[in-house]
Amino acid sequence: MMIQEIKMYTFGDILVGLDSEEINETEQIIEIRKIFSKLAEDLKDNYNLNRSPVKSLLFDQAIGQISATQLLVEKLLKMK
């Protein structure tokens, strides 16, 4: 019997595009993604501790801003 290992990606990794074994980006972009992934993961963990309607709205907005900022930072770093 053969056991196949499957890597489980975190919410943050999926959000920022680190959910693949093959990422065709520079080390600088991968490092930026890891930073934003950690930030998103920390926010998710905090949100899950004590949910409320207001905290839910703020969480959604914060995650949206993390995504937008990550994309803008990557775009800026790739500009020539």
N, C-alpha and C. Protein backbone atom coordinates (compact mmCIF):
# COMPACT_ATOMS: atom_id res chain seq x y z
N MET A 1 0.84 -1.18 0.00
CA MET A 1 0.00 0.00 0.00
C MET A 1 0.89 1.24 0.00
N MET A 2 0.57 2.17 -0.87
CA MET A 2 1.37 3.37 -1.01
C MET A 2 0.64 4.56 -0.40
N ILE A 3 1.35 5.34 0.40
CA ILE A 3 0.76 6.53 1.03
C ILE A 3 1.25 7.75 0.26
N GLN A 4 0.30 8.57 -0.17
CA GLN A 4 0.64 9.78 -0.90
C GLN A 4 0.46 10.98 0.02
N GLU A 5 1.52 11.76 0.15
CA GLU A 5 1.44 12.95 0.98
C GLU A 5 0.87 14.11 0.17
N ILE A 6 -0.03 14.85 0.80
CA ILE A 6 -0.63 16.01 0.17
C ILE A 6 -0.37 17.21 1.07
N LYS A 7 0.22 18.25 0.50
CA LYS A 7 0.51 19.45 1.28
C LYS A 7 -0.79 20.24 1.47
N MET A 8 -1.05 20.62 2.70
CA MET A 8 -2.22 21.44 3.02
C MET A 8 -1.76 22.89 3.10
N TYR A 9 -2.33 23.72 2.25
CA TYR A 9 -1.97 25.12 2.23
C TYR A 9 -2.84 25.91 3.19
N THR A 10 -2.26 26.95 3.78
CA THR A 10 -3.00 27.78 4.72
C THR A 10 -3.88 28.77 3.95
N PHE A 11 -4.80 29.37 4.67
CA PHE A 11 -5.66 30.41 4.11
C PHE A 11 -4.82 31.52 3.48
N GLY A 12 -3.80 31.96 4.21
CA GLY A 12 -2.92 33.02 3.72
C GLY A 12 -2.17 32.63 2.46
N ASP A 13 -1.67 31.39 2.42
CA ASP A 13 -0.95 30.92 1.23
C ASP A 13 -1.86 30.92 0.00
N ILE A 14 -3.07 30.45 0.17
CA ILE A 14 -4.03 30.42 -0.94
C ILE A 14 -4.37 31.83 -1.37
N LEU A 15 -4.57 32.73 -0.41
CA LEU A 15 -4.94 34.11 -0.71
C LEU A 15 -3.91 34.82 -1.58
N VAL A 16 -2.64 34.61 -1.28
CA VAL A 16 -1.59 35.35 -1.98
C VAL A 16 -0.93 34.58 -3.12
N GLY A 17 -1.38 33.37 -3.38
CA GLY A 17 -0.85 32.62 -4.52
C GLY A 17 0.35 31.77 -4.23
N LEU A 18 0.48 31.31 -3.00
CA LEU A 18 1.56 30.39 -2.64
C LEU A 18 1.06 28.95 -2.54
N ASP A 19 -0.01 28.65 -3.24
CA ASP A 19 -0.64 27.33 -3.13
C ASP A 19 -0.28 26.41 -4.29
N SER A 20 0.97 26.46 -4.70
CA SER A 20 1.46 25.61 -5.77
C SER A 20 2.90 25.23 -5.48
N GLU A 21 3.28 24.05 -5.90
CA GLU A 21 4.67 23.62 -5.71
C GLU A 21 5.60 24.36 -6.66
N GLU A 22 5.08 24.77 -7.81
CA GLU A 22 5.89 25.47 -8.80
C GLU A 22 5.38 26.91 -8.94
N ILE A 23 6.17 27.84 -8.43
CA ILE A 23 5.83 29.26 -8.54
C ILE A 23 6.92 29.91 -9.38
N ASN A 24 6.53 30.49 -10.50
CA ASN A 24 7.49 31.09 -11.42
C ASN A 24 7.63 32.59 -11.14
N GLU A 25 8.12 32.90 -9.97
CA GLU A 25 8.33 34.28 -9.55
C GLU A 25 9.73 34.42 -8.97
N THR A 26 10.18 35.66 -8.84
CA THR A 26 11.49 35.92 -8.25
C THR A 26 11.43 35.66 -6.74
N GLU A 27 12.60 35.51 -6.16
CA GLU A 27 12.68 35.31 -4.71
C GLU A 27 12.08 36.49 -3.95
N GLN A 28 12.27 37.70 -4.50
CA GLN A 28 11.73 38.90 -3.87
C GLN A 28 10.19 38.85 -3.82
N ILE A 29 9.56 38.44 -4.91
CA ILE A 29 8.10 38.35 -4.97
C ILE A 29 7.60 37.25 -4.03
N ILE A 30 8.29 36.13 -4.00
CA ILE A 30 7.89 35.04 -3.10
C ILE A 30 8.00 35.49 -1.65
N GLU A 31 9.05 36.23 -1.32
CA GLU A 31 9.21 36.73 0.05
C GLU A 31 8.08 37.70 0.41
N ILE A 32 7.71 38.59 -0.52
CA ILE A 32 6.59 39.51 -0.30
C ILE A 32 5.31 38.72 -0.05
N ARG A 33 5.08 37.69 -0.85
CA ARG A 33 3.87 36.87 -0.68
C ARG A 33 3.86 36.18 0.68
N LYS A 34 5.02 35.72 1.14
CA LYS A 34 5.09 35.07 2.45
C LYS A 34 4.72 36.05 3.56
N ILE A 35 5.17 37.29 3.43
CA ILE A 35 4.85 38.32 4.43
C ILE A 35 3.35 38.57 4.47
N PHE A 36 2.73 38.76 3.30
CA PHE A 36 1.30 39.00 3.25
C PHE A 36 0.50 37.76 3.68
N SER A 37 1.02 36.58 3.38
CA SER A 37 0.37 35.34 3.82
C SER A 37 0.33 35.26 5.35
N LYS A 38 1.45 35.59 5.97
CA LYS A 38 1.53 35.56 7.44
C LYS A 38 0.56 36.58 8.05
N LEU A 39 0.50 37.76 7.47
CA LEU A 39 -0.42 38.79 7.95
C LEU A 39 -1.87 38.33 7.85
N ALA A 40 -2.25 37.76 6.72
CA ALA A 40 -3.62 37.26 6.53
C ALA A 40 -3.92 36.13 7.51
N GLU A 41 -2.97 35.26 7.73
CA GLU A 41 -3.15 34.14 8.66
C GLU A 41 -3.33 34.64 10.09
N ASP A 42 -2.54 35.63 10.49
CA ASP A 42 -2.67 36.21 11.83
C ASP A 42 -4.05 36.86 12.02
N LEU A 43 -4.50 37.59 11.00
CA LEU A 43 -5.83 38.21 11.08
C LEU A 43 -6.93 37.16 11.18
N LYS A 44 -6.82 36.10 10.38
CA LYS A 44 -7.81 35.03 10.42
C LYS A 44 -7.86 34.37 11.79
N ASP A 45 -6.70 34.09 12.36
CA ASP A 45 -6.66 33.47 13.68
C ASP A 45 -7.29 34.37 14.73
N ASN A 46 -7.00 35.67 14.68
CA ASN A 46 -7.59 36.61 15.63
C ASN A 46 -9.10 36.70 15.44
N TYR A 47 -9.53 36.75 14.19
CA TYR A 47 -10.96 36.82 13.88
C TYR A 47 -11.70 35.61 14.42
N ASN A 48 -11.11 34.44 14.30
CA ASN A 48 -11.76 33.21 14.75
C ASN A 48 -11.86 33.09 16.26
N LEU A 49 -11.08 33.86 17.01
CA LEU A 49 -11.14 33.82 18.47
C LEU A 49 -12.45 34.36 19.03
N ASN A 50 -12.94 35.43 18.41
CA ASN A 50 -14.13 36.09 18.94
C ASN A 50 -14.84 36.83 17.80
N ARG A 51 -15.73 36.13 17.15
CA ARG A 51 -16.43 36.73 16.00
C ARG A 51 -17.57 37.62 16.44
N SER A 52 -17.79 38.66 15.65
CA SER A 52 -18.94 39.54 15.85
C SER A 52 -19.27 40.15 14.50
N PRO A 53 -20.47 40.71 14.35
CA PRO A 53 -20.82 41.31 13.05
C PRO A 53 -19.86 42.42 12.62
N VAL A 54 -19.48 43.28 13.55
CA VAL A 54 -18.57 44.37 13.22
C VAL A 54 -17.19 43.81 12.86
N LYS A 55 -16.72 42.86 13.66
CA LYS A 55 -15.41 42.26 13.39
C LYS A 55 -15.42 41.54 12.05
N SER A 56 -16.54 40.96 11.67
CA SER A 56 -16.67 40.29 10.38
C SER A 56 -16.50 41.27 9.23
N LEU A 57 -17.16 42.42 9.33
CA LEU A 57 -17.04 43.44 8.30
C LEU A 57 -15.60 43.95 8.20
N LEU A 58 -14.97 44.20 9.33
CA LEU A 58 -13.59 44.69 9.34
C LEU A 58 -12.63 43.64 8.78
N PHE A 59 -12.87 42.38 9.12
CA PHE A 59 -12.03 41.30 8.62
C PHE A 59 -12.11 41.23 7.09
N ASP A 60 -13.33 41.27 6.56
CA ASP A 60 -13.51 41.21 5.11
C ASP A 60 -12.78 42.38 4.42
N GLN A 61 -12.93 43.56 4.99
CA GLN A 61 -12.26 44.74 4.42
C GLN A 61 -10.74 44.61 4.51
N ALA A 62 -10.25 44.15 5.64
CA ALA A 62 -8.80 44.02 5.84
C ALA A 62 -8.20 42.99 4.86
N ILE A 63 -8.88 41.88 4.67
CA ILE A 63 -8.40 40.86 3.73
C ILE A 63 -8.41 41.41 2.31
N GLY A 64 -9.44 42.17 1.97
CA GLY A 64 -9.48 42.80 0.65
C GLY A 64 -8.33 43.77 0.44
N GLN A 65 -8.02 44.53 1.48
CA GLN A 65 -6.92 45.49 1.39
C GLN A 65 -5.56 44.78 1.32
N ILE A 66 -5.42 43.68 2.03
CA ILE A 66 -4.18 42.89 1.95
C ILE A 66 -3.98 42.39 0.52
N SER A 67 -5.04 41.86 -0.08
CA SER A 67 -4.95 41.36 -1.45
C SER A 67 -4.59 42.48 -2.42
N ALA A 68 -5.26 43.60 -2.30
CA ALA A 68 -5.00 44.73 -3.20
C ALA A 68 -3.58 45.24 -3.02
N THR A 69 -3.13 45.38 -1.79
CA THR A 69 -1.79 45.90 -1.52
C THR A 69 -0.72 44.94 -2.03
N GLN A 70 -0.92 43.66 -1.83
CA GLN A 70 0.03 42.66 -2.33
C GLN A 70 0.17 42.77 -3.84
N LEU A 71 -0.95 42.86 -4.54
CA LEU A 71 -0.91 42.96 -6.00
C LEU A 71 -0.22 44.24 -6.46
N LEU A 72 -0.49 45.36 -5.76
CA LEU A 72 0.15 46.62 -6.12
C LEU A 72 1.66 46.58 -5.87
N VAL A 73 2.08 46.00 -4.76
CA VAL A 73 3.50 45.88 -4.45
C VAL A 73 4.20 45.03 -5.52
N GLU A 74 3.58 43.90 -5.89
CA GLU A 74 4.17 43.05 -6.92
C GLU A 74 4.26 43.79 -8.24
N LYS A 75 3.22 44.51 -8.61
CA LYS A 75 3.22 45.28 -9.85
C LYS A 75 4.35 46.31 -9.84
N LEU A 76 4.52 47.01 -8.74
CA LEU A 76 5.56 48.02 -8.62
C LEU A 76 6.95 47.39 -8.75
N LEU A 77 7.15 46.25 -8.10
CA LEU A 77 8.45 45.59 -8.15
C LEU A 77 8.77 45.03 -9.54
N LYS A 78 7.74 44.72 -10.32
CA LYS A 78 7.96 44.16 -11.65
C LYS A 78 8.10 45.24 -12.73
N MET A 79 7.75 46.48 -12.40
CA MET A 79 7.85 47.57 -13.39
C MET A 79 9.32 47.86 -13.71
N LYS A 80 9.56 48.19 -14.95
CA LYS A 80 10.94 48.48 -15.38
C LYS A 80 11.11 49.95 -15.63
